[in-house]
PDB file of N, CA and C in Angstrom:
ATOM      1  N   MET A   1      39.313  55.087  -8.962  1.00  0.00           N
ATOM      2  CA  MET A   1      38.285  54.566  -9.846  1.00  0.00           C
ATOM      3  C   MET A   1      36.967  55.256  -9.508  1.00  0.00           C
ATOM      4  N   THR A   2      36.145  55.482 -10.509  1.00  0.00           N
ATOM      5  CA  THR A   2      34.816  56.056 -10.314  1.00  0.00           C
ATOM      6  C   THR A   2      33.775  55.032 -10.728  1.00  0.00           C
ATOM      7  N   LEU A   3      32.814  54.780  -9.848  1.00  0.00           N
ATOM      8  CA  LEU A   3      31.710  53.894 -10.180  1.00  0.00           C
ATOM      9  C   LEU A   3      30.524  54.732 -10.628  1.00  0.00           C
ATOM     10  N   LYS A   4      29.800  54.239 -11.629  1.00  0.00           N
ATOM     11  CA  LYS A   4      28.585  54.895 -12.109  1.00  0.00           C
ATOM     12  C   LYS A   4      27.488  53.851 -12.184  1.00  0.00           C
ATOM     13  N   ALA A   5      26.256  54.274 -11.881  1.00  0.00           N
ATOM     14  CA  ALA A   5      25.120  53.363 -11.961  1.00  0.00           C
ATOM     15  C   ALA A   5      23.902  54.124 -12.449  1.00  0.00           C
ATOM     16  N   ARG A   6      22.985  53.392 -13.061  1.00  0.00           N
ATOM     17  CA  ARG A   6      21.743  53.983 -13.566  1.00  0.00           C
ATOM     18  C   ARG A   6      20.631  52.964 -13.363  1.00  0.00           C
ATOM     19  N   VAL A   7      19.551  53.401 -12.736  1.00  0.00           N
ATOM     20  CA  VAL A   7      18.368  52.574 -12.551  1.00  0.00           C
ATOM     21  C   VAL A   7      17.217  53.353 -13.163  1.00  0.00           C
ATOM     22  N   GLU A   8      16.453  52.697 -14.029  1.00  0.00           N
ATOM     23  CA  GLU A   8      15.366  53.425 -14.665  1.00  0.00           C
ATOM     24  C   GLU A   8      14.124  52.570 -14.815  1.00  0.00           C
ATOM     25  N   ALA A   9      13.007  53.245 -14.849  1.00  0.00           N
ATOM     26  CA  ALA A   9      11.709  52.636 -15.116  1.00  0.00           C
ATOM     27  C   ALA A   9      11.057  53.482 -16.202  1.00  0.00           C
ATOM     28  N   ALA A  10       9.826  53.196 -16.519  1.00  0.00           N
ATOM     29  CA  ALA A  10       9.147  53.921 -17.595  1.00  0.00           C
ATOM     30  C   ALA A  10       9.041  55.417 -17.307  1.00  0.00           C
ATOM     31  N   GLN A  11       8.859  55.807 -16.048  1.00  0.00           N
ATOM     32  CA  GLN A  11       8.597  57.199 -15.711  1.00  0.00           C
ATOM     33  C   GLN A  11       9.741  57.921 -15.005  1.00  0.00           C
ATOM     34  N   TRP A  12      10.776  57.221 -14.555  1.00  0.00           N
ATOM     35  CA  TRP A  12      11.824  57.882 -13.781  1.00  0.00           C
ATOM     36  C   TRP A  12      13.201  57.269 -14.030  1.00  0.00           C
ATOM     37  N   VAL A  13      14.223  58.028 -13.650  1.00  0.00           N
ATOM     38  CA  VAL A  13      15.619  57.585 -13.771  1.00  0.00           C
ATOM     39  C   VAL A  13      16.377  58.038 -12.524  1.00  0.00           C
ATOM     40  N   VAL A  14      17.185  57.154 -11.959  1.00  0.00           N
ATOM     41  CA  VAL A  14      18.096  57.489 -10.856  1.00  0.00           C
ATOM     42  C   VAL A  14      19.511  57.173 -11.343  1.00  0.00           C
ATOM     43  N   THR A  15      20.421  58.157 -11.255  1.00  0.00           N
ATOM     44  CA  THR A  15      21.816  57.932 -11.609  1.00  0.00           C
ATOM     45  C   THR A  15      22.691  58.242 -10.402  1.00  0.00           C
ATOM     46  N   CYS A  16      23.803  57.549 -10.293  1.00  0.00           N
ATOM     47  CA  CYS A  16      24.753  57.772  -9.204  1.00  0.00           C
ATOM     48  C   CYS A  16      26.172  57.705  -9.751  1.00  0.00           C
ATOM     49  N   GLN A  17      27.038  58.497  -9.142  1.00  0.00           N
ATOM     50  CA  GLN A  17      28.452  58.474  -9.499  1.00  0.00           C
ATOM     51  C   GLN A  17      29.265  58.748  -8.240  1.00  0.00           C
ATOM     52  N   THR A  18      30.257  57.907  -7.998  1.00  0.00           N
ATOM     53  CA  THR A  18      31.098  58.091  -6.818  1.00  0.00           C
ATOM     54  C   THR A  18      32.244  59.042  -7.122  1.00  0.00           C
ATOM     55  N   GLU A  19      32.764  59.626  -6.070  1.00  0.00           N
ATOM     56  CA  GLU A  19      33.981  60.435  -6.180  1.00  0.00           C
ATOM     57  C   GLU A  19      34.774  60.290  -4.897  1.00  0.00           C
ATOM     58  N   GLU A  20      36.085  60.286  -5.040  1.00  0.00           N
ATOM     59  CA  GLU A  20      36.960  60.145  -3.880  1.00  0.00           C
ATOM     60  C   GLU A  20      37.238  61.522  -3.289  1.00  0.00           C
ATOM     61  N   THR A  21      37.168  61.613  -1.971  1.00  0.00           N
ATOM     62  CA  THR A  21      37.480  62.842  -1.243  1.00  0.00           C
ATOM     63  C   THR A  21      38.567  62.512  -0.227  1.00  0.00           C
ATOM     64  N   PRO A  22      39.161  63.505   0.403  1.00  0.00           N
ATOM     65  CA  PRO A  22      40.173  63.210   1.426  1.00  0.00           C
ATOM     66  C   PRO A  22      39.628  62.379   2.600  1.00  0.00           C
ATOM     67  N   ARG A  23      38.305  62.440   2.840  1.00  0.00           N
ATOM     68  CA  ARG A  23      37.695  61.701   3.951  1.00  0.00           C
ATOM     69  C   ARG A  23      37.161  60.336   3.553  1.00  0.00           C
ATOM     70  N   GLY A  24      37.152  60.020   2.257  1.00  0.00           N
ATOM     71  CA  GLY A  24      36.600  58.751   1.791  1.00  0.00           C
ATOM     72  C   GLY A  24      35.854  58.943   0.484  1.00  0.00           C
ATOM     73  N   PHE A  25      34.807  58.159   0.271  1.00  0.00           N
ATOM     74  CA  PHE A  25      34.045  58.220  -0.974  1.00  0.00           C
ATOM     75  C   PHE A  25      32.667  58.818  -0.738  1.00  0.00           C
ATOM     76  N   MET A  26      32.253  59.659  -1.672  1.00  0.00           N
ATOM     77  CA  MET A  26      30.910  60.249  -1.661  1.00  0.00           C
ATOM     78  C   MET A  26      30.205  59.846  -2.946  1.00  0.00           C
ATOM     79  N   CYS A  27      28.902  60.057  -2.997  1.00  0.00           N
ATOM     80  CA  CYS A  27      28.121  59.712  -4.171  1.00  0.00           C
ATOM     81  C   CYS A  27      27.255  60.902  -4.580  1.00  0.00           C
ATOM     82  N   SER A  28      27.318  61.264  -5.851  1.00  0.00           N
ATOM     83  CA  SER A  28      26.421  62.267  -6.419  1.00  0.00           C
ATOM     84  C   SER A  28      25.231  61.526  -7.003  1.00  0.00           C
ATOM     85  N   ILE A  29      24.031  62.032  -6.732  1.00  0.00           N
ATOM     86  CA  ILE A  29      22.797  61.360  -7.126  1.00  0.00           C
ATOM     87  C   ILE A  29      22.016  62.278  -8.062  1.00  0.00           C
ATOM     88  N   GLY A  30      21.482  61.714  -9.118  1.00  0.00           N
ATOM     89  CA  GLY A  30      20.647  62.453 -10.055  1.00  0.00           C
ATOM     90  C   GLY A  30      19.299  61.770 -10.198  1.00  0.00           C
ATOM     91  N   LEU A  31      18.239  62.575 -10.273  1.00  0.00           N
ATOM     92  CA  LEU A  31      16.880  62.053 -10.409  1.00  0.00           C
ATOM     93  C   LEU A  31      16.180  62.763 -11.553  1.00  0.00           C
ATOM     94  N   GLU A  32      15.376  62.041 -12.294  1.00  0.00           N
ATOM     95  CA  GLU A  32      14.520  62.632 -13.321  1.00  0.00           C
ATOM     96  C   GLU A  32      13.190  61.916 -13.302  1.00  0.00           C
ATOM     97  N   HIS A  33      12.115  62.698 -13.396  1.00  0.00           N
ATOM     98  CA  HIS A  33      10.770  62.137 -13.482  1.00  0.00           C
ATOM     99  C   HIS A  33       9.841  63.201 -14.060  1.00  0.00           C
ATOM    100  N   PRO A  34       8.641  62.827 -14.486  1.00  0.00           N
ATOM    101  CA  PRO A  34       7.720  63.822 -15.047  1.00  0.00           C
ATOM    102  C   PRO A  34       7.314  64.855 -13.996  1.00  0.00           C
ATOM    103  N   ASN A  35       7.088  66.085 -14.430  1.00  0.00           N
ATOM    104  CA  ASN A  35       6.550  67.089 -13.510  1.00  0.00           C
ATOM    105  C   ASN A  35       5.078  67.346 -13.830  1.00  0.00           C
ATOM    106  N   VAL A  36       4.427  68.161 -13.035  1.00  0.00           N
ATOM    107  CA  VAL A  36       2.987  68.374 -13.196  1.00  0.00           C
ATOM    108  C   VAL A  36       2.640  69.110 -14.484  1.00  0.00           C
ATOM    109  N   GLU A  37       3.577  69.861 -15.059  1.00  0.00           N
ATOM    110  CA  GLU A  37       3.323  70.578 -16.306  1.00  0.00           C
ATOM    111  C   GLU A  37       3.499  69.689 -17.536  1.00  0.00           C
ATOM    112  N   GLY A  38       3.863  68.441 -17.353  1.00  0.00           N
ATOM    113  CA  GLY A  38       4.061  67.530 -18.471  1.00  0.00           C
ATOM    114  C   GLY A  38       5.500  67.452 -18.956  1.00  0.00           C
ATOM    115  N   GLY A  39       6.392  68.226 -18.361  1.00  0.00           N
ATOM    116  CA  GLY A  39       7.808  68.181 -18.714  1.00  0.00           C
ATOM    117  C   GLY A  39       8.554  67.190 -17.839  1.00  0.00           C
ATOM    118  N   ARG A  40       9.853  67.414 -17.698  1.00  0.00           N
ATOM    119  CA  ARG A  40      10.691  66.559 -16.861  1.00  0.00           C
ATOM    120  C   ARG A  40      11.277  67.372 -15.724  1.00  0.00           C
ATOM    121  N   PHE A  41      11.257  66.802 -14.524  1.00  0.00           N
ATOM    122  CA  PHE A  41      11.880  67.382 -13.348  1.00  0.00           C
ATOM    123  C   PHE A  41      13.220  66.694 -13.162  1.00  0.00           C
ATOM    124  N   ALA A  42      14.285  67.470 -13.012  1.00  0.00           N
ATOM    125  CA  ALA A  42      15.622  66.911 -12.766  1.00  0.00           C
ATOM    126  C   ALA A  42      16.182  67.512 -11.491  1.00  0.00           C
ATOM    127  N   HIS A  43      16.773  66.685 -10.669  1.00  0.00           N
ATOM    128  CA  HIS A  43      17.330  67.129  -9.388  1.00  0.00           C
ATOM    129  C   HIS A  43      18.655  66.408  -9.176  1.00  0.00           C
ATOM    130  N   ARG A  44      19.679  67.139  -8.793  1.00  0.00           N
ATOM    131  CA  ARG A  44      21.003  66.565  -8.527  1.00  0.00           C
ATOM    132  C   ARG A  44      21.440  66.968  -7.120  1.00  0.00           C
ATOM    133  N   PHE A  45      22.009  66.020  -6.378  1.00  0.00           N
ATOM    134  CA  PHE A  45      22.496  66.319  -5.035  1.00  0.00           C
ATOM    135  C   PHE A  45      23.553  65.305  -4.635  1.00  0.00           C
ATOM    136  N   LYS A  46      24.313  65.635  -3.597  1.00  0.00           N
ATOM    137  CA  LYS A  46      25.329  64.715  -3.064  1.00  0.00           C
ATOM    138  C   LYS A  46      24.784  64.070  -1.805  1.00  0.00           C
ATOM    139  N   HIS A  47      25.099  62.801  -1.644  1.00  0.00           N
ATOM    140  CA  HIS A  47      24.713  62.084  -0.432  1.00  0.00           C
ATOM    141  C   HIS A  47      25.426  62.736   0.745  1.00  0.00           C
ATOM    142  N   ALA A  48      24.764  62.821   1.861  1.00  0.00           N
ATOM    143  CA  ALA A  48      25.296  63.535   3.026  1.00  0.00           C
ATOM    144  C   ALA A  48      26.453  62.810   3.711  1.00  0.00           C
ATOM    145  N   SER A  49      26.589  61.526   3.499  1.00  0.00           N
ATOM    146  CA  SER A  49      27.613  60.742   4.205  1.00  0.00           C
ATOM    147  C   SER A  49      28.811  60.442   3.324  1.00  0.00           C
ATOM    148  N   THR A  50      29.924  60.158   3.972  1.00  0.00           N
ATOM    149  CA  THR A  50      31.149  59.710   3.307  1.00  0.00           C
ATOM    150  C   THR A  50      31.409  58.273   3.753  1.00  0.00           C
ATOM    151  N   TYR A  51      31.904  57.443   2.833  1.00  0.00           N
ATOM    152  CA  TYR A  51      32.080  56.020   3.103  1.00  0.00           C
ATOM    153  C   TYR A  51      33.523  55.595   2.866  1.00  0.00           C
ATOM    154  N   VAL A  52      33.941  54.558   3.572  1.00  0.00           N
ATOM    155  CA  VAL A  52      35.298  54.028   3.436  1.00  0.00           C
ATOM    156  C   VAL A  52      35.461  53.335   2.087  1.00  0.00           C
ATOM    157  N   SER A  53      34.446  52.604   1.648  1.00  0.00           N
ATOM    158  CA  SER A  53      34.549  51.888   0.373  1.00  0.00           C
ATOM    159  C   SER A  53      33.675  52.551  -0.689  1.00  0.00           C
ATOM    160  N   GLU A  54      34.147  52.469  -1.907  1.00  0.00           N
ATOM    161  CA  GLU A  54      33.421  53.053  -3.036  1.00  0.00           C
ATOM    162  C   GLU A  54      32.093  52.332  -3.278  1.00  0.00           C
ATOM    163  N   SER A  55      32.092  51.024  -3.094  1.00  0.00           N
ATOM    164  CA  SER A  55      30.850  50.272  -3.299  1.00  0.00           C
ATOM    165  C   SER A  55      29.798  50.640  -2.260  1.00  0.00           C
ATOM    166  N   ASP A  56      30.204  50.888  -1.013  1.00  0.00           N
ATOM    167  CA  ASP A  56      29.254  51.323   0.017  1.00  0.00           C
ATOM    168  C   ASP A  56      28.655  52.687  -0.336  1.00  0.00           C
ATOM    169  N   ALA A  57      29.485  53.592  -0.860  1.00  0.00           N
ATOM    170  CA  ALA A  57      28.997  54.909  -1.272  1.00  0.00           C
ATOM    171  C   ALA A  57      27.984  54.771  -2.400  1.00  0.00           C
ATOM    172  N   MET A  58      28.266  53.899  -3.362  1.00  0.00           N
ATOM    173  CA  MET A  58      27.356  53.695  -4.490  1.00  0.00           C
ATOM    174  C   MET A  58      26.027  53.120  -4.033  1.00  0.00           C
ATOM    175  N   LEU A  59      26.070  52.097  -3.197  1.00  0.00           N
ATOM    176  CA  LEU A  59      24.829  51.490  -2.711  1.00  0.00           C
ATOM    177  C   LEU A  59      23.997  52.478  -1.897  1.00  0.00           C
ATOM    178  N   ALA A  60      24.649  53.288  -1.068  1.00  0.00           N
ATOM    179  CA  ALA A  60      23.932  54.292  -0.281  1.00  0.00           C
ATOM    180  C   ALA A  60      23.305  55.342  -1.199  1.00  0.00           C
ATOM    181  N   GLY A  61      24.021  55.747  -2.245  1.00  0.00           N
ATOM    182  CA  GLY A  61      23.484  56.719  -3.187  1.00  0.00           C
ATOM    183  C   GLY A  61      22.284  56.185  -3.947  1.00  0.00           C
ATOM    184  N   LEU A  62      22.372  54.958  -4.421  1.00  0.00           N
ATOM    185  CA  LEU A  62      21.233  54.349  -5.111  1.00  0.00           C
ATOM    186  C   LEU A  62      20.035  54.204  -4.184  1.00  0.00           C
ATOM    187  N   ARG A  63      20.298  53.768  -2.953  1.00  0.00           N
ATOM    188  CA  ARG A  63      19.220  53.620  -1.973  1.00  0.00           C
ATOM    189  C   ARG A  63      18.526  54.961  -1.727  1.00  0.00           C
ATOM    190  N   GLU A  64      19.318  56.024  -1.546  1.00  0.00           N
ATOM    191  CA  GLU A  64      18.769  57.359  -1.306  1.00  0.00           C
ATOM    192  C   GLU A  64      17.947  57.845  -2.502  1.00  0.00           C
ATOM    193  N   GLY A  65      18.473  57.650  -3.701  1.00  0.00           N
ATOM    194  CA  GLY A  65      17.748  58.069  -4.895  1.00  0.00           C
ATOM    195  C   GLY A  65      16.441  57.327  -5.080  1.00  0.00           C
ATOM    196  N   LEU A  66      16.450  56.024  -4.857  1.00  0.00           N
ATOM    197  CA  LEU A  66      15.237  55.232  -4.995  1.00  0.00           C
ATOM    198  C   LEU A  66      14.213  55.571  -3.914  1.00  0.00           C
ATOM    199  N   MET A  67      14.683  55.871  -2.700  1.00  0.00           N
ATOM    200  CA  MET A  67      13.757  56.301  -1.644  1.00  0.00           C
ATOM    201  C   MET A  67      13.105  57.631  -2.034  1.00  0.00           C
ATOM    202  N   TRP A  68      13.881  58.540  -2.601  1.00  0.00           N
ATOM    203  CA  TRP A  68      13.371  59.847  -3.016  1.00  0.00           C
ATOM    204  C   TRP A  68      12.291  59.664  -4.081  1.00  0.00           C
ATOM    205  N   ILE A  69      12.556  58.804  -5.072  1.00  0.00           N
ATOM    206  CA  ILE A  69      11.564  58.516  -6.116  1.00  0.00           C
ATOM    207  C   ILE A  69      10.302  57.919  -5.499  1.00  0.00           C
ATOM    208  N   GLY A  70      10.460  57.007  -4.546  1.00  0.00           N
ATOM    209  CA  GLY A  70       9.302  56.418  -3.870  1.00  0.00           C
ATOM    210  C   GLY A  70       8.457  57.456  -3.167  1.00  0.00           C
ATOM    211  N   LEU A  71       9.108  58.410  -2.500  1.00  0.00           N
ATOM    212  CA  LEU A  71       8.363  59.475  -1.814  1.00  0.00           C
ATOM    213  C   LEU A  71       7.660  60.391  -2.812  1.00  0.00           C
ATOM    214  N   LYS A  72       8.290  60.675  -3.940  1.00  0.00           N
ATOM    215  CA  LYS A  72       7.675  61.514  -4.962  1.00  0.00           C
ATOM    216  C   LYS A  72       6.489  60.809  -5.615  1.00  0.00           C
ATOM    217  N   THR A  73       6.654  59.553  -6.003  1.00  0.00           N
ATOM    218  CA  THR A  73       5.574  58.856  -6.699  1.00  0.00           C
ATOM    219  C   THR A  73       4.381  58.564  -5.787  1.00  0.00           C
ATOM    220  N   SER A  74       4.630  58.455  -4.490  1.00  0.00           N
ATOM    221  CA  SER A  74       3.524  58.261  -3.551  1.00  0.00           C
ATOM    222  C   SER A  74       2.902  59.588  -3.114  1.00  0.00           C
ATOM    223  N   LYS A  75       3.464  60.702  -3.653  1.00  0.00           N
ATOM    224  CA  LYS A  75       2.995  62.054  -3.350  1.00  0.00           C
ATOM    225  C   LYS A  75       3.171  62.411  -1.869  1.00  0.00           C
ATOM    226  N   THR A  76       4.164  61.772  -1.214  1.00  0.00           N
ATOM    227  CA  THR A  76       4.483  62.096   0.178  1.00  0.00           C
ATOM    228  C   THR A  76       5.219  63.435   0.233  1.00  0.00           C
ATOM    229  N   ILE A  77       6.061  63.700  -0.761  1.00  0.00           N
ATOM    230  CA  ILE A  77       6.753  64.995  -0.856  1.00  0.00           C
ATOM    231  C   ILE A  77       6.415  65.629  -2.202  1.00  0.00           C
ATOM    232  N   ALA A  78       6.475  66.942  -2.233  1.00  0.00           N
ATOM    233  CA  ALA A  78       6.257  67.690  -3.479  1.00  0.00           C
ATOM    234  C   ALA A  78       7.364  68.723  -3.606  1.00  0.00           C
ATOM    235  N   VAL A  79       8.212  68.531  -4.599  1.00  0.00           N
ATOM    236  CA  VAL A  79       9.318  69.477  -4.819  1.00  0.00           C
ATOM    237  C   VAL A  79       9.186  69.993  -6.227  1.00  0.00           C
TER     238      VAL A  79
END
């Protein structure tokens, strides 16, 4: 089974999707938010950890994506 999730606000979107691997479950994370030129910035990456349960992978992916958005909106990181 594959779990998918989407969390969005007026200015940003975080999406996650789990996938099963031989070592367990991983989560692919997608982020979108405005960029400085007035367009949209999109970034996709896989969570670094593998989890025994699919729900744990999903929660970790959402947590990572939301932390990334928090760092971007607070201007702590610039990518």
